[in-house]
N, C-alpha and C. Protein backbone atom coordinates (compact mmCIF):
# COMPACT_ATOMS: atom_id res chain seq x y z
N MET A 1 -36.88 -19.62 40.87
CA MET A 1 -36.76 -19.98 39.49
C MET A 1 -36.66 -18.74 38.61
N LEU A 2 -37.44 -17.75 38.89
CA LEU A 2 -37.43 -16.52 38.13
C LEU A 2 -36.10 -15.80 38.26
N CYS A 3 -35.56 -15.79 39.43
CA CYS A 3 -34.29 -15.14 39.70
C CYS A 3 -33.16 -15.82 38.93
N LEU A 4 -33.17 -17.12 38.83
CA LEU A 4 -32.14 -17.89 38.12
C LEU A 4 -32.20 -17.58 36.62
N THR A 5 -33.36 -17.43 36.07
CA THR A 5 -33.52 -17.12 34.66
C THR A 5 -32.97 -15.74 34.35
N LYS A 6 -33.21 -14.77 35.19
CA LYS A 6 -32.70 -13.42 34.97
C LYS A 6 -31.17 -13.40 34.99
N THR A 7 -30.58 -14.17 35.87
CA THR A 7 -29.12 -14.23 35.96
C THR A 7 -28.54 -14.79 34.68
N ARG A 8 -29.12 -15.82 34.15
CA ARG A 8 -28.64 -16.41 32.89
C ARG A 8 -28.76 -15.41 31.74
N ILE A 9 -29.83 -14.67 31.70
CA ILE A 9 -30.03 -13.68 30.65
C ILE A 9 -28.97 -12.60 30.76
N LYS A 10 -28.69 -12.15 31.97
CA LYS A 10 -27.68 -11.11 32.16
C LYS A 10 -26.31 -11.60 31.69
N ARG A 11 -25.96 -12.81 32.05
CA ARG A 11 -24.66 -13.35 31.63
C ARG A 11 -24.59 -13.47 30.11
N LYS A 12 -25.64 -13.91 29.53
CA LYS A 12 -25.66 -14.06 28.07
C LYS A 12 -25.54 -12.68 27.40
N GLY A 13 -26.18 -11.69 27.96
CA GLY A 13 -26.09 -10.33 27.43
C GLY A 13 -24.68 -9.78 27.53
N MET A 14 -23.97 -10.09 28.57
CA MET A 14 -22.61 -9.62 28.74
C MET A 14 -21.69 -10.21 27.68
N THR A 15 -21.88 -11.46 27.34
CA THR A 15 -21.02 -12.06 26.32
C THR A 15 -21.29 -11.45 24.95
N ASN A 16 -22.53 -11.10 24.69
CA ASN A 16 -22.85 -10.42 23.42
C ASN A 16 -22.18 -9.05 23.35
N MET A 17 -22.16 -8.36 24.50
CA MET A 17 -21.50 -7.06 24.53
C MET A 17 -20.00 -7.22 24.27
N LYS A 18 -19.40 -8.24 24.85
CA LYS A 18 -17.98 -8.49 24.63
C LYS A 18 -17.71 -8.84 23.17
N LYS A 19 -18.59 -9.65 22.58
CA LYS A 19 -18.43 -10.01 21.18
C LYS A 19 -18.54 -8.76 20.29
N ASN A 20 -19.49 -7.89 20.59
CA ASN A 20 -19.64 -6.66 19.82
C ASN A 20 -18.41 -5.77 19.96
N LYS A 21 -17.86 -5.71 21.16
CA LYS A 21 -16.67 -4.89 21.39
C LYS A 21 -15.46 -5.44 20.60
N ILE A 22 -15.30 -6.75 20.63
CA ILE A 22 -14.21 -7.38 19.87
C ILE A 22 -14.42 -7.18 18.38
N PHE A 23 -15.64 -7.31 17.91
CA PHE A 23 -15.95 -7.12 16.49
C PHE A 23 -15.64 -5.68 16.06
N LYS A 24 -16.03 -4.71 16.87
CA LYS A 24 -15.76 -3.30 16.55
C LYS A 24 -14.26 -3.03 16.49
N ARG A 25 -13.52 -3.59 17.43
CA ARG A 25 -12.06 -3.41 17.42
C ARG A 25 -11.44 -4.05 16.18
N PHE A 26 -11.93 -5.21 15.81
CA PHE A 26 -11.44 -5.90 14.61
C PHE A 26 -11.70 -5.05 13.36
N ILE A 27 -12.87 -4.50 13.25
CA ILE A 27 -13.21 -3.65 12.10
C ILE A 27 -12.32 -2.41 12.08
N ILE A 28 -12.08 -1.80 13.23
CA ILE A 28 -11.22 -0.61 13.31
C ILE A 28 -9.80 -0.95 12.87
N VAL A 29 -9.27 -2.09 13.31
CA VAL A 29 -7.92 -2.50 12.91
C VAL A 29 -7.85 -2.73 11.41
N ILE A 30 -8.84 -3.39 10.85
CA ILE A 30 -8.87 -3.64 9.39
C ILE A 30 -8.92 -2.32 8.63
N LEU A 31 -9.74 -1.37 9.07
CA LEU A 31 -9.83 -0.07 8.41
C LEU A 31 -8.51 0.70 8.50
N ILE A 32 -7.82 0.60 9.62
CA ILE A 32 -6.53 1.27 9.76
C ILE A 32 -5.50 0.66 8.81
N VAL A 33 -5.48 -0.67 8.71
CA VAL A 33 -4.54 -1.33 7.79
C VAL A 33 -4.83 -0.94 6.35
N ILE A 34 -6.09 -0.92 5.96
CA ILE A 34 -6.46 -0.54 4.59
C ILE A 34 -6.06 0.91 4.33
N THR A 35 -6.26 1.79 5.28
CA THR A 35 -5.88 3.19 5.14
C THR A 35 -4.38 3.34 4.96
N ILE A 36 -3.60 2.60 5.72
CA ILE A 36 -2.14 2.66 5.60
C ILE A 36 -1.69 2.16 4.24
N LEU A 37 -2.27 1.05 3.78
CA LEU A 37 -1.89 0.51 2.46
C LEU A 37 -2.26 1.47 1.33
N LEU A 38 -3.43 2.07 1.41
CA LEU A 38 -3.83 3.05 0.39
C LEU A 38 -2.92 4.27 0.40
N THR A 39 -2.54 4.72 1.58
CA THR A 39 -1.64 5.87 1.69
C THR A 39 -0.28 5.55 1.08
N MET A 40 0.22 4.36 1.33
CA MET A 40 1.50 3.95 0.74
C MET A 40 1.43 3.97 -0.78
N GLY A 41 0.36 3.45 -1.35
CA GLY A 41 0.19 3.43 -2.80
C GLY A 41 0.08 4.82 -3.39
N VAL A 42 -0.67 5.69 -2.75
CA VAL A 42 -0.85 7.07 -3.24
C VAL A 42 0.47 7.84 -3.18
N VAL A 43 1.22 7.67 -2.09
CA VAL A 43 2.51 8.36 -1.97
C VAL A 43 3.48 7.90 -3.06
N ASP A 44 3.58 6.59 -3.27
CA ASP A 44 4.46 6.08 -4.32
C ASP A 44 4.02 6.55 -5.71
N TYR A 45 2.71 6.60 -5.92
CA TYR A 45 2.18 7.09 -7.20
C TYR A 45 2.60 8.54 -7.43
N GLN A 46 2.40 9.38 -6.45
CA GLN A 46 2.74 10.80 -6.58
C GLN A 46 4.24 11.00 -6.79
N ILE A 47 5.03 10.29 -6.03
CA ILE A 47 6.49 10.46 -6.11
C ILE A 47 7.02 10.00 -7.45
N SER A 48 6.55 8.86 -7.94
CA SER A 48 7.13 8.30 -9.16
C SER A 48 6.56 8.92 -10.44
N THR A 49 5.29 9.23 -10.49
CA THR A 49 4.71 9.73 -11.74
C THR A 49 4.66 11.25 -11.83
N HIS A 50 4.67 11.94 -10.71
CA HIS A 50 4.62 13.40 -10.74
C HIS A 50 5.92 14.04 -10.25
N GLY A 51 6.57 13.41 -9.29
CA GLY A 51 7.83 13.94 -8.76
C GLY A 51 9.06 13.38 -9.47
N PHE A 52 8.87 12.30 -10.24
CA PHE A 52 9.93 11.64 -11.01
C PHE A 52 11.11 11.25 -10.14
N GLU A 53 10.79 10.59 -9.03
CA GLU A 53 11.79 10.02 -8.14
C GLU A 53 11.44 8.55 -7.91
N LYS A 54 12.38 7.81 -7.33
CA LYS A 54 12.12 6.41 -7.02
C LYS A 54 11.10 6.32 -5.88
N PRO A 55 10.22 5.32 -5.91
CA PRO A 55 9.20 5.18 -4.86
C PRO A 55 9.83 4.88 -3.50
N ILE A 56 9.11 5.25 -2.45
CA ILE A 56 9.59 5.05 -1.09
C ILE A 56 9.22 3.67 -0.55
N PHE A 57 7.97 3.26 -0.72
CA PHE A 57 7.47 2.06 -0.08
C PHE A 57 7.61 0.80 -0.93
N ALA A 58 7.53 0.92 -2.24
CA ALA A 58 7.67 -0.25 -3.11
C ALA A 58 9.14 -0.66 -3.18
N ARG A 59 9.39 -1.94 -3.32
CA ARG A 59 10.74 -2.47 -3.36
C ARG A 59 11.10 -2.94 -4.76
N LEU A 60 12.35 -2.70 -5.15
CA LEU A 60 12.85 -3.06 -6.48
C LEU A 60 12.90 -4.57 -6.62
N ASN A 61 12.28 -5.08 -7.68
CA ASN A 61 12.31 -6.49 -8.00
C ASN A 61 13.67 -6.80 -8.63
N THR A 62 14.46 -7.64 -7.99
CA THR A 62 15.82 -7.90 -8.46
C THR A 62 15.86 -8.64 -9.80
N GLU A 63 14.80 -9.35 -10.14
CA GLU A 63 14.75 -10.07 -11.41
C GLU A 63 14.61 -9.12 -12.60
N THR A 64 13.96 -7.99 -12.40
CA THR A 64 13.73 -7.06 -13.51
C THR A 64 14.59 -5.81 -13.43
N SER A 65 15.46 -5.74 -12.45
CA SER A 65 16.25 -4.51 -12.28
C SER A 65 17.39 -4.45 -13.29
N LYS A 66 17.72 -3.23 -13.68
CA LYS A 66 18.84 -2.99 -14.58
C LYS A 66 20.01 -2.52 -13.74
N LYS A 67 21.18 -2.56 -14.31
CA LYS A 67 22.39 -2.21 -13.54
C LYS A 67 22.75 -0.74 -13.70
N ASP A 68 21.74 0.13 -13.64
CA ASP A 68 22.01 1.56 -13.72
C ASP A 68 21.70 2.28 -12.40
N GLY A 69 21.39 1.50 -11.37
CA GLY A 69 21.17 2.10 -10.06
C GLY A 69 19.74 2.34 -9.67
N GLY A 70 18.76 1.93 -10.47
CA GLY A 70 17.38 2.16 -10.05
C GLY A 70 16.29 1.81 -11.04
N SER A 71 16.62 1.61 -12.31
CA SER A 71 15.59 1.25 -13.28
C SER A 71 15.13 -0.18 -13.06
N GLY A 72 13.85 -0.42 -13.31
CA GLY A 72 13.27 -1.74 -13.16
C GLY A 72 11.85 -1.65 -12.64
N THR A 73 11.35 -2.77 -12.14
CA THR A 73 9.99 -2.83 -11.61
C THR A 73 10.03 -2.79 -10.09
N TYR A 74 9.28 -1.86 -9.52
CA TYR A 74 9.15 -1.73 -8.08
C TYR A 74 7.80 -2.33 -7.69
N ASP A 75 7.80 -3.26 -6.74
CA ASP A 75 6.58 -3.94 -6.32
C ASP A 75 6.12 -3.45 -4.96
N GLY A 76 4.85 -3.06 -4.90
CA GLY A 76 4.22 -2.70 -3.64
C GLY A 76 3.11 -3.69 -3.35
N ILE A 77 2.32 -3.45 -2.34
CA ILE A 77 1.21 -4.34 -2.00
C ILE A 77 0.01 -3.94 -2.85
N GLY A 78 -0.26 -4.72 -3.89
CA GLY A 78 -1.38 -4.47 -4.78
C GLY A 78 -1.05 -3.55 -5.95
N TYR A 79 0.16 -3.06 -6.03
CA TYR A 79 0.54 -2.18 -7.14
C TYR A 79 1.99 -2.40 -7.51
N SER A 80 2.36 -1.96 -8.70
CA SER A 80 3.75 -2.01 -9.14
C SER A 80 4.03 -0.79 -10.02
N ILE A 81 5.31 -0.46 -10.10
CA ILE A 81 5.73 0.72 -10.86
C ILE A 81 6.94 0.31 -11.70
N GLU A 82 6.83 0.49 -13.02
CA GLU A 82 7.97 0.27 -13.90
C GLU A 82 8.66 1.60 -14.11
N ILE A 83 9.97 1.63 -13.84
CA ILE A 83 10.71 2.89 -13.91
C ILE A 83 11.92 2.72 -14.82
N ASN A 84 12.12 3.71 -15.68
CA ASN A 84 13.35 3.86 -16.44
C ASN A 84 13.89 5.23 -16.10
N GLY A 85 15.20 5.31 -15.96
CA GLY A 85 15.74 6.61 -15.59
C GLY A 85 17.24 6.68 -15.69
N ASN A 86 17.76 7.83 -15.31
CA ASN A 86 19.19 8.10 -15.30
C ASN A 86 19.63 8.15 -13.84
N PHE A 87 20.33 7.12 -13.41
CA PHE A 87 20.73 7.04 -12.01
C PHE A 87 22.24 6.92 -11.83
N MET A 88 22.99 6.95 -12.91
CA MET A 88 24.44 6.84 -12.83
C MET A 88 25.04 8.22 -12.53
N PRO A 89 26.19 8.27 -11.89
CA PRO A 89 26.80 9.56 -11.53
C PRO A 89 27.14 10.44 -12.73
N GLU A 90 27.44 9.84 -13.88
CA GLU A 90 27.82 10.64 -15.04
C GLU A 90 26.62 11.20 -15.82
N ASP A 91 25.41 10.80 -15.48
CA ASP A 91 24.21 11.29 -16.16
C ASP A 91 23.96 12.76 -15.80
N LYS A 92 23.60 13.54 -16.82
CA LYS A 92 23.34 14.96 -16.58
C LYS A 92 21.98 15.18 -15.92
N LEU A 93 20.94 14.59 -16.48
CA LEU A 93 19.58 14.75 -15.97
C LEU A 93 19.24 13.50 -15.14
N LYS A 94 19.48 13.55 -13.84
CA LYS A 94 19.30 12.37 -12.99
C LYS A 94 17.85 12.22 -12.56
N GLY A 95 17.48 10.97 -12.32
CA GLY A 95 16.14 10.66 -11.82
C GLY A 95 15.34 9.86 -12.81
N VAL A 96 14.08 9.72 -12.52
CA VAL A 96 13.15 8.93 -13.34
C VAL A 96 12.82 9.69 -14.62
N THR A 97 12.89 8.99 -15.75
CA THR A 97 12.50 9.59 -17.03
C THR A 97 11.16 9.04 -17.53
N HIS A 98 10.88 7.77 -17.26
CA HIS A 98 9.62 7.12 -17.64
C HIS A 98 9.10 6.33 -16.45
N ALA A 99 7.80 6.43 -16.17
CA ALA A 99 7.19 5.68 -15.07
C ALA A 99 5.82 5.17 -15.50
N ARG A 100 5.59 3.89 -15.27
CA ARG A 100 4.28 3.28 -15.51
C ARG A 100 3.77 2.74 -14.18
N PHE A 101 2.56 3.15 -13.81
CA PHE A 101 1.97 2.75 -12.53
C PHE A 101 0.86 1.74 -12.80
N TYR A 102 0.92 0.58 -12.13
CA TYR A 102 -0.06 -0.49 -12.30
C TYR A 102 -0.74 -0.78 -10.96
N ILE A 103 -2.04 -1.01 -11.01
CA ILE A 103 -2.78 -1.51 -9.85
C ILE A 103 -3.37 -2.85 -10.24
N LEU A 104 -2.99 -3.88 -9.49
CA LEU A 104 -3.42 -5.26 -9.73
C LEU A 104 -3.19 -5.66 -11.19
N GLY A 105 -2.07 -5.24 -11.76
CA GLY A 105 -1.68 -5.63 -13.12
C GLY A 105 -2.25 -4.76 -14.22
N LYS A 106 -3.12 -3.82 -13.91
CA LYS A 106 -3.71 -2.96 -14.93
C LYS A 106 -3.02 -1.60 -14.91
N GLU A 107 -2.57 -1.13 -16.08
CA GLU A 107 -1.87 0.15 -16.14
C GLU A 107 -2.83 1.29 -15.86
N ILE A 108 -2.43 2.14 -14.92
CA ILE A 108 -3.26 3.26 -14.51
C ILE A 108 -2.73 4.57 -15.08
N HIS A 109 -1.39 4.74 -15.05
CA HIS A 109 -0.82 6.01 -15.47
C HIS A 109 0.56 5.79 -16.07
N TYR A 110 0.86 6.53 -17.13
CA TYR A 110 2.18 6.52 -17.75
C TYR A 110 2.69 7.95 -17.79
N ALA A 111 3.88 8.17 -17.27
CA ALA A 111 4.43 9.53 -17.20
C ALA A 111 5.82 9.56 -17.82
N ILE A 112 6.08 10.64 -18.58
CA ILE A 112 7.39 10.88 -19.19
C ILE A 112 7.85 12.25 -18.74
N ARG A 113 9.10 12.31 -18.27
CA ARG A 113 9.65 13.59 -17.87
C ARG A 113 10.29 14.24 -19.10
N ASP A 114 10.00 15.51 -19.30
CA ASP A 114 10.55 16.24 -20.45
C ASP A 114 11.95 16.72 -20.18
């Protein structure tokens, strides 16, 4: 009887170890996804508000886009960027002239290129 009880305890302990291992892997995957999403937002922020170029990861919303080759609202995951700029071939100063960066609908930064 004693031997049977020890066997059951060992089996139960093994399942807890497996559950802990699965839980740790799940947490690691979630942290990696969050890190990737944050990196995408930071890169787009730097490029659009400091580098005055179109964002890499955010996609142009076709409903708000203008027919100048790039002005409009770019939507990312959890953030958006409103861009006005000179993107036509005949423009002398090409690129982004005004950029507004929003996180979850709240304006974070507004940049104007001189």
